[in-house]
N, C-alpha and C. Protein backbone atom coordinates (compact mmCIF):
# COMPACT_ATOMS: atom_id res chain seq x y z
N MET A 1 2.29 0.12 8.96
CA MET A 1 1.64 1.11 9.80
C MET A 1 0.54 0.41 10.58
N SER A 2 0.41 0.76 11.84
CA SER A 2 -0.62 0.18 12.68
C SER A 2 -1.97 0.81 12.37
N PRO A 3 -3.04 0.01 12.41
CA PRO A 3 -4.35 0.59 12.17
C PRO A 3 -4.78 1.45 13.35
N THR A 4 -5.52 2.50 13.07
CA THR A 4 -6.05 3.30 14.15
C THR A 4 -7.30 2.62 14.69
N PRO A 5 -7.62 2.82 15.96
CA PRO A 5 -8.81 2.18 16.52
C PRO A 5 -10.05 2.49 15.69
N GLY A 6 -10.81 1.45 15.39
CA GLY A 6 -12.04 1.61 14.63
C GLY A 6 -11.85 1.55 13.12
N SER A 7 -10.60 1.52 12.65
CA SER A 7 -10.38 1.44 11.20
C SER A 7 -10.02 0.01 10.81
N GLU A 8 -10.22 -0.29 9.53
CA GLU A 8 -9.88 -1.62 9.03
C GLU A 8 -8.40 -1.65 8.67
N ALA A 9 -7.72 -2.70 9.09
CA ALA A 9 -6.31 -2.88 8.77
C ALA A 9 -6.18 -3.32 7.32
N VAL A 10 -5.38 -2.61 6.53
CA VAL A 10 -5.20 -2.89 5.12
C VAL A 10 -3.75 -3.33 4.87
N CYS A 11 -3.58 -4.32 4.02
CA CYS A 11 -2.27 -4.87 3.69
C CYS A 11 -1.31 -3.77 3.21
N SER A 12 -0.04 -3.88 3.63
CA SER A 12 0.99 -2.91 3.24
C SER A 12 1.65 -3.22 1.90
N ALA A 13 1.36 -4.38 1.30
CA ALA A 13 1.96 -4.72 0.01
C ALA A 13 1.51 -3.72 -1.05
N LYS A 14 2.43 -3.35 -1.91
CA LYS A 14 2.15 -2.36 -2.96
C LYS A 14 0.94 -2.78 -3.80
N GLY A 15 -0.03 -1.90 -3.87
CA GLY A 15 -1.22 -2.12 -4.69
C GLY A 15 -2.28 -3.01 -4.07
N CYS A 16 -2.01 -3.60 -2.93
CA CYS A 16 -2.98 -4.50 -2.29
C CYS A 16 -3.89 -3.70 -1.36
N ARG A 17 -5.17 -3.95 -1.44
CA ARG A 17 -6.15 -3.27 -0.58
C ARG A 17 -6.91 -4.28 0.27
N ALA A 18 -6.39 -5.51 0.37
CA ALA A 18 -7.06 -6.57 1.14
C ALA A 18 -6.93 -6.32 2.64
N ARG A 19 -7.86 -6.91 3.37
CA ARG A 19 -7.83 -6.80 4.83
C ARG A 19 -6.61 -7.52 5.38
N ALA A 20 -5.85 -6.85 6.23
CA ALA A 20 -4.67 -7.44 6.86
C ALA A 20 -5.08 -8.34 8.01
N THR A 21 -4.40 -9.46 8.12
CA THR A 21 -4.64 -10.40 9.21
C THR A 21 -3.42 -10.56 10.10
N SER A 22 -2.25 -10.16 9.59
CA SER A 22 -0.99 -10.31 10.33
C SER A 22 -0.25 -8.99 10.39
N ALA A 23 0.56 -8.85 11.42
CA ALA A 23 1.44 -7.69 11.57
C ALA A 23 2.87 -8.19 11.65
N LEU A 24 3.71 -7.69 10.76
CA LEU A 24 5.13 -8.03 10.79
C LEU A 24 5.84 -6.93 11.56
N LEU A 25 6.43 -7.30 12.67
CA LEU A 25 7.13 -6.35 13.54
C LEU A 25 8.60 -6.39 13.18
N TRP A 26 9.17 -5.24 12.90
CA TRP A 26 10.55 -5.20 12.42
C TRP A 26 11.27 -3.95 12.89
N ASN A 27 12.57 -3.97 12.73
CA ASN A 27 13.36 -2.75 12.89
C ASN A 27 14.67 -2.90 12.12
N ASN A 28 15.22 -1.78 11.74
CA ASN A 28 16.52 -1.73 11.08
C ASN A 28 17.52 -1.39 12.17
N PRO A 29 18.37 -2.34 12.57
CA PRO A 29 19.28 -2.09 13.69
C PRO A 29 20.28 -0.96 13.43
N ARG A 30 20.46 -0.58 12.19
CA ARG A 30 21.36 0.53 11.89
C ARG A 30 20.69 1.88 12.13
N LEU A 31 19.35 1.88 12.19
CA LEU A 31 18.61 3.12 12.35
C LEU A 31 17.80 3.21 13.64
N HIS A 32 17.35 2.06 14.17
CA HIS A 32 16.42 2.05 15.29
C HIS A 32 17.02 1.40 16.53
N GLU A 33 16.57 1.85 17.69
CA GLU A 33 16.93 1.19 18.94
C GLU A 33 16.42 -0.24 18.89
N ASP A 34 17.08 -1.15 19.59
CA ASP A 34 16.71 -2.56 19.56
C ASP A 34 15.26 -2.79 20.00
N SER A 35 14.75 -1.98 20.90
CA SER A 35 13.39 -2.18 21.42
C SER A 35 12.31 -1.61 20.50
N ARG A 36 12.67 -0.78 19.54
CA ARG A 36 11.68 -0.17 18.66
C ARG A 36 11.14 -1.19 17.67
N ARG A 37 9.84 -1.13 17.42
CA ARG A 37 9.21 -2.02 16.45
C ARG A 37 8.38 -1.21 15.46
N LYS A 38 8.73 -1.34 14.20
CA LYS A 38 7.95 -0.79 13.10
C LYS A 38 6.95 -1.88 12.72
N VAL A 39 5.88 -1.53 12.00
CA VAL A 39 4.84 -2.49 11.67
C VAL A 39 4.51 -2.42 10.18
N TRP A 40 4.51 -3.59 9.55
CA TRP A 40 3.92 -3.75 8.23
C TRP A 40 2.74 -4.67 8.40
N LEU A 41 1.62 -4.34 7.81
CA LEU A 41 0.44 -5.17 7.87
C LEU A 41 0.40 -6.06 6.63
N ALA A 42 -0.11 -7.28 6.79
CA ALA A 42 -0.14 -8.21 5.66
C ALA A 42 -1.43 -9.02 5.62
N CYS A 43 -1.92 -9.20 4.40
CA CYS A 43 -3.05 -10.11 4.19
C CYS A 43 -2.49 -11.53 4.09
N GLU A 44 -3.38 -12.51 3.99
CA GLU A 44 -2.94 -13.91 3.89
C GLU A 44 -2.02 -14.13 2.68
N ASP A 45 -2.29 -13.44 1.57
CA ASP A 45 -1.51 -13.64 0.35
C ASP A 45 -0.11 -13.03 0.41
N HIS A 46 0.10 -12.02 1.25
CA HIS A 46 1.38 -11.31 1.24
C HIS A 46 2.23 -11.48 2.50
N VAL A 47 1.74 -12.17 3.51
CA VAL A 47 2.52 -12.32 4.74
C VAL A 47 3.86 -13.00 4.45
N GLY A 48 3.87 -13.97 3.57
CA GLY A 48 5.11 -14.68 3.24
C GLY A 48 6.11 -13.80 2.50
N SER A 49 5.66 -13.12 1.46
CA SER A 49 6.59 -12.30 0.67
C SER A 49 7.11 -11.09 1.45
N LEU A 50 6.24 -10.45 2.22
CA LEU A 50 6.70 -9.33 3.04
C LEU A 50 7.66 -9.81 4.13
N GLY A 51 7.34 -10.96 4.73
CA GLY A 51 8.22 -11.54 5.74
C GLY A 51 9.57 -11.93 5.16
N ASP A 52 9.57 -12.50 3.96
CA ASP A 52 10.82 -12.86 3.29
C ASP A 52 11.67 -11.63 3.02
N PHE A 53 11.04 -10.56 2.54
CA PHE A 53 11.75 -9.31 2.26
C PHE A 53 12.46 -8.79 3.51
N LEU A 54 11.71 -8.72 4.61
CA LEU A 54 12.29 -8.22 5.86
C LEU A 54 13.32 -9.20 6.43
N GLY A 55 13.02 -10.48 6.34
CA GLY A 55 13.92 -11.50 6.88
C GLY A 55 15.27 -11.53 6.19
N LEU A 56 15.29 -11.40 4.87
CA LEU A 56 16.55 -11.41 4.12
C LEU A 56 17.47 -10.27 4.53
N ARG A 57 16.89 -9.20 4.99
CA ARG A 57 17.67 -8.03 5.41
C ARG A 57 18.00 -8.06 6.90
N GLY A 58 17.49 -9.06 7.61
CA GLY A 58 17.74 -9.16 9.04
C GLY A 58 16.90 -8.20 9.86
N PHE A 59 15.77 -7.73 9.30
CA PHE A 59 14.93 -6.75 9.98
C PHE A 59 13.74 -7.36 10.72
N LEU A 60 13.25 -8.52 10.27
CA LEU A 60 12.05 -9.11 10.85
C LEU A 60 12.30 -9.58 12.28
N ARG A 61 11.46 -9.14 13.21
CA ARG A 61 11.59 -9.53 14.61
C ARG A 61 10.52 -10.54 15.00
N SER A 62 9.28 -10.35 14.53
CA SER A 62 8.21 -11.31 14.81
C SER A 62 7.00 -11.00 13.94
N THR A 63 6.11 -11.99 13.86
CA THR A 63 4.85 -11.84 13.15
C THR A 63 3.73 -12.21 14.12
N VAL A 64 2.76 -11.32 14.26
CA VAL A 64 1.65 -11.54 15.19
C VAL A 64 0.34 -11.23 14.48
N PRO A 65 -0.78 -11.74 15.00
CA PRO A 65 -2.08 -11.34 14.47
C PRO A 65 -2.27 -9.82 14.66
N VAL A 66 -3.01 -9.20 13.76
CA VAL A 66 -3.26 -7.76 13.83
C VAL A 66 -3.76 -7.35 15.21
N GLU A 67 -4.59 -8.18 15.80
CA GLU A 67 -5.19 -7.85 17.11
C GLU A 67 -4.13 -7.82 18.22
N GLN A 68 -2.94 -8.33 17.98
CA GLN A 68 -1.91 -8.41 19.02
C GLN A 68 -0.73 -7.47 18.78
N ILE A 69 -0.93 -6.44 17.97
CA ILE A 69 0.14 -5.46 17.76
C ILE A 69 0.43 -4.80 19.09
N PRO A 70 1.70 -4.81 19.53
CA PRO A 70 2.03 -4.20 20.82
C PRO A 70 1.78 -2.70 20.83
N GLU A 71 1.35 -2.21 21.95
CA GLU A 71 1.15 -0.77 22.10
C GLU A 71 2.48 -0.07 21.90
N GLY A 72 2.49 1.01 21.18
CA GLY A 72 3.70 1.75 20.92
C GLY A 72 4.43 1.33 19.65
N ALA A 73 4.03 0.23 19.04
CA ALA A 73 4.66 -0.19 17.79
C ALA A 73 4.12 0.67 16.65
N GLY A 74 4.96 0.93 15.68
CA GLY A 74 4.46 1.69 14.54
C GLY A 74 5.48 2.53 13.88
């Protein structure tokens, strides 16, 4: 989920409340249009494991810094 303006970005990993530094942009091609991007936020400790999870399923499209989440992603 994308952070709302003025809020702190929190990691999407289960049970993690650390500040997110990366955004994993993904979509499920069976459910979403090719241009749609969903967002998982990740702290330094979880960017790899969340990226691996999405990548193994063929869902990961890109990883960007939180500050560079494209408008309309989410």
